C-alpha atoms as a PDB file:
ATOM      1  CA  UNK A   1      58.058  90.755 144.176  1.00  0.00           C
ATOM      2  CA  UNK A   2      57.550  86.876 144.111  1.00  0.00           C
ATOM      3  CA  UNK A   3      60.214  84.522 146.203  1.00  0.00           C
ATOM      4  CA  UNK A   4      60.451  80.876 145.924  1.00  0.00           C
ATOM      5  CA  UNK A   5      63.082  79.100 148.047  1.00  0.00           C
ATOM      6  CA  UNK A   6      63.936  75.757 147.035  1.00  0.00           C
ATOM      7  CA  UNK A   7      66.037  73.373 149.365  1.00  0.00           C
ATOM      8  CA  UNK A   8      66.681  74.212 152.767  1.00  0.00           C
ATOM      9  CA  UNK A   9      64.785  77.366 154.783  1.00  0.00           C
ATOM     10  CA  UNK A  10      66.331  80.362 154.639  1.00  0.00           C
ATOM     11  CA  UNK A  11      65.885  83.681 157.524  1.00  0.00           C
ATOM     12  CA  UNK A  12      64.134  86.794 156.273  1.00  0.00           C
ATOM     13  CA  UNK A  13      67.488  88.587 156.893  1.00  0.00           C
ATOM     14  CA  UNK A  14      69.247  85.996 154.358  1.00  0.00           C
ATOM     15  CA  UNK A  15      66.452  86.511 151.713  1.00  0.00           C
ATOM     16  CA  UNK A  16      66.100  90.543 152.678  1.00  0.00           C
ATOM     17  CA  UNK A  17      70.544  90.763 151.313  1.00  0.00           C
ATOM     18  CA  UNK A  18      69.584  87.909 148.287  1.00  0.00           C
ATOM     19  CA  UNK A  19      66.902  90.825 146.938  1.00  0.00           C
ATOM     20  CA  UNK A  20      69.319  93.714 147.849  1.00  0.00           C
ATOM     21  CA  UNK A  21      72.156  91.854 145.845  1.00  0.00           C
ATOM     22  CA  UNK A  22      70.086  91.345 143.170  1.00  0.00           C
ATOM     23  CA  UNK A  23      68.784  95.094 142.871  1.00  0.00           C
ATOM     24  CA  UNK A  24      72.322  96.620 143.068  1.00  0.00           C
ATOM     25  CA  UNK A  25      73.622  93.648 140.179  1.00  0.00           C
ATOM     26  CA  UNK A  26      70.389  94.437 138.183  1.00  0.00           C
ATOM     27  CA  UNK A  27      70.171  98.288 138.147  1.00  0.00           C
ATOM     28  CA  UNK A  28      67.349 100.411 136.604  1.00  0.00           C
ATOM     29  CA  UNK A  29      65.595  96.489 135.770  1.00  0.00           C
ATOM     30  CA  UNK A  30      62.268  95.859 137.811  1.00  0.00           C
ATOM     31  CA  UNK A  31      62.668  92.282 139.394  1.00  0.00           C
ATOM     32  CA  UNK A  32      59.400  90.467 139.193  1.00  0.00           C
ATOM     33  CA  UNK A  33      60.216  86.931 140.755  1.00  0.00           C
ATOM     34  CA  UNK A  34      63.328  85.854 142.384  1.00  0.00           C
ATOM     35  CA  UNK A  35      64.609  81.967 142.932  1.00  0.00           C
ATOM     36  CA  UNK A  36      66.665  80.541 145.351  1.00  0.00           C
ATOM     37  CA  UNK A  37      67.778  77.070 145.281  1.00  0.00           C
ATOM     38  CA  UNK A  38      70.400  76.142 148.173  1.00  0.00           C
ATOM     39  CA  UNK A  39      72.652  73.352 148.577  1.00  0.00           C
ATOM     40  CA  UNK A  40      74.559  73.187 151.719  1.00  0.00           C
ATOM     41  CA  UNK A  41      76.566  76.046 151.676  1.00  0.00           C
ATOM     42  CA  UNK A  42      75.660  77.396 148.021  1.00  0.00           C
ATOM     43  CA  UNK A  43      72.611  79.440 146.739  1.00  0.00           C
ATOM     44  CA  UNK A  44      71.523  80.003 143.115  1.00  0.00           C
ATOM     45  CA  UNK A  45      70.106  82.713 142.341  1.00  0.00           C
ATOM     46  CA  UNK A  46      67.044  83.269 139.385  1.00  0.00           C
ATOM     47  CA  UNK A  47      66.085  86.024 138.849  1.00  0.00           C
ATOM     48  CA  UNK A  48      62.647  87.148 136.591  1.00  0.00           C
ATOM     49  CA  UNK A  49      62.342  90.682 135.083  1.00  0.00           C
ATOM     50  CA  UNK A  50      59.260  92.875 133.955  1.00  0.00           C
ATOM     51  CA  UNK A  51      59.156  93.310 130.055  1.00  0.00           C
ATOM     52  CA  UNK A  52      60.886  95.876 128.497  1.00  0.00           C
ATOM     53  CA  UNK A  53      58.736  97.877 126.455  1.00  0.00           C
ATOM     54  CA  UNK A  54      60.172  98.102 122.998  1.00  0.00           C
ATOM     55  CA  UNK A  55      60.283 100.804 120.916  1.00  0.00           C
ATOM     56  CA  UNK A  56      60.366 100.576 116.879  1.00  0.00           C
ATOM     57  CA  UNK A  57      63.436 101.754 115.343  1.00  0.00           C
ATOM     58  CA  UNK A  58      62.992 103.261 111.486  1.00  0.00           C
ATOM     59  CA  UNK A  59      65.691 103.679 108.788  1.00  0.00           C
ATOM     60  CA  UNK A  60      64.164 107.133 107.783  1.00  0.00           C
ATOM     61  CA  UNK A  61      66.285 109.437 105.385  1.00  0.00           C
ATOM     62  CA  UNK A  62      69.144 108.213 106.718  1.00  0.00           C
ATOM     63  CA  UNK A  63      68.306 108.522 110.065  1.00  0.00           C
ATOM     64  CA  UNK A  64      67.569 105.973 112.540  1.00  0.00           C
ATOM     65  CA  UNK A  65      64.955 106.672 114.331  1.00  0.00           C
ATOM     66  CA  UNK A  66      61.910 105.957 116.733  1.00  0.00           C
ATOM     67  CA  UNK A  67      59.653 108.638 116.466  1.00  0.00           C
ATOM     68  CA  UNK A  68      60.106 111.881 114.536  1.00  0.00           C
ATOM     69  CA  UNK A  69      59.116 114.083 117.590  1.00  0.00           C
ATOM     70  CA  UNK A  70      62.446 115.491 116.877  1.00  0.00           C
ATOM     71  CA  UNK A  71      62.551 116.165 113.431  1.00  0.00           C
ATOM     72  CA  UNK A  72      62.826 119.914 112.523  1.00  0.00           C
ATOM     73  CA  UNK A  73      59.833 120.719 109.491  1.00  0.00           C
ATOM     74  CA  UNK A  74      61.786 119.759 106.784  1.00  0.00           C
ATOM     75  CA  UNK A  75      63.109 116.304 107.785  1.00  0.00           C
ATOM     76  CA  UNK A  76      58.976 116.050 108.794  1.00  0.00           C
ATOM     77  CA  UNK A  77      58.179 116.962 105.059  1.00  0.00           C
ATOM     78  CA  UNK A  78      60.691 114.222 103.690  1.00  0.00           C
ATOM     79  CA  UNK A  79      58.945 111.590 105.722  1.00  0.00           C
ATOM     80  CA  UNK A  80      55.523 112.503 103.920  1.00  0.00           C
ATOM     81  CA  UNK A  81      56.756 112.880 100.471  1.00  0.00           C
ATOM     82  CA  UNK A  82      58.566 109.473 100.675  1.00  0.00           C
ATOM     83  CA  UNK A  83      57.378 106.498  98.755  1.00  0.00           C
ATOM     84  CA  UNK A  84      55.844 103.940 101.054  1.00  0.00           C
ATOM     85  CA  UNK A  85      56.476 100.521  99.586  1.00  0.00           C
ATOM     86  CA  UNK A  86      53.810  97.250 100.936  1.00  0.00           C
ATOM     87  CA  UNK A  87      54.673  93.917 101.125  1.00  0.00           C
END
């Protein structure tokens, strides 16, 4: 993780506390970069997160799905036989 400190210098203990705060607040998200802007007694924290993979969602035979792996053979046949329109 890249750490940027703008303003007053911070001890490693303070930086570690801000990192722990960000990880606790944004559980499940990977923090790539953190910027700490200090102004006296105040600190402004900005986080930049890793990209989240995008899953395509489609409506197929009345269901919203990302992939067909959970369809049974009948639904897979419906999807295979449907008319696909081009743009």
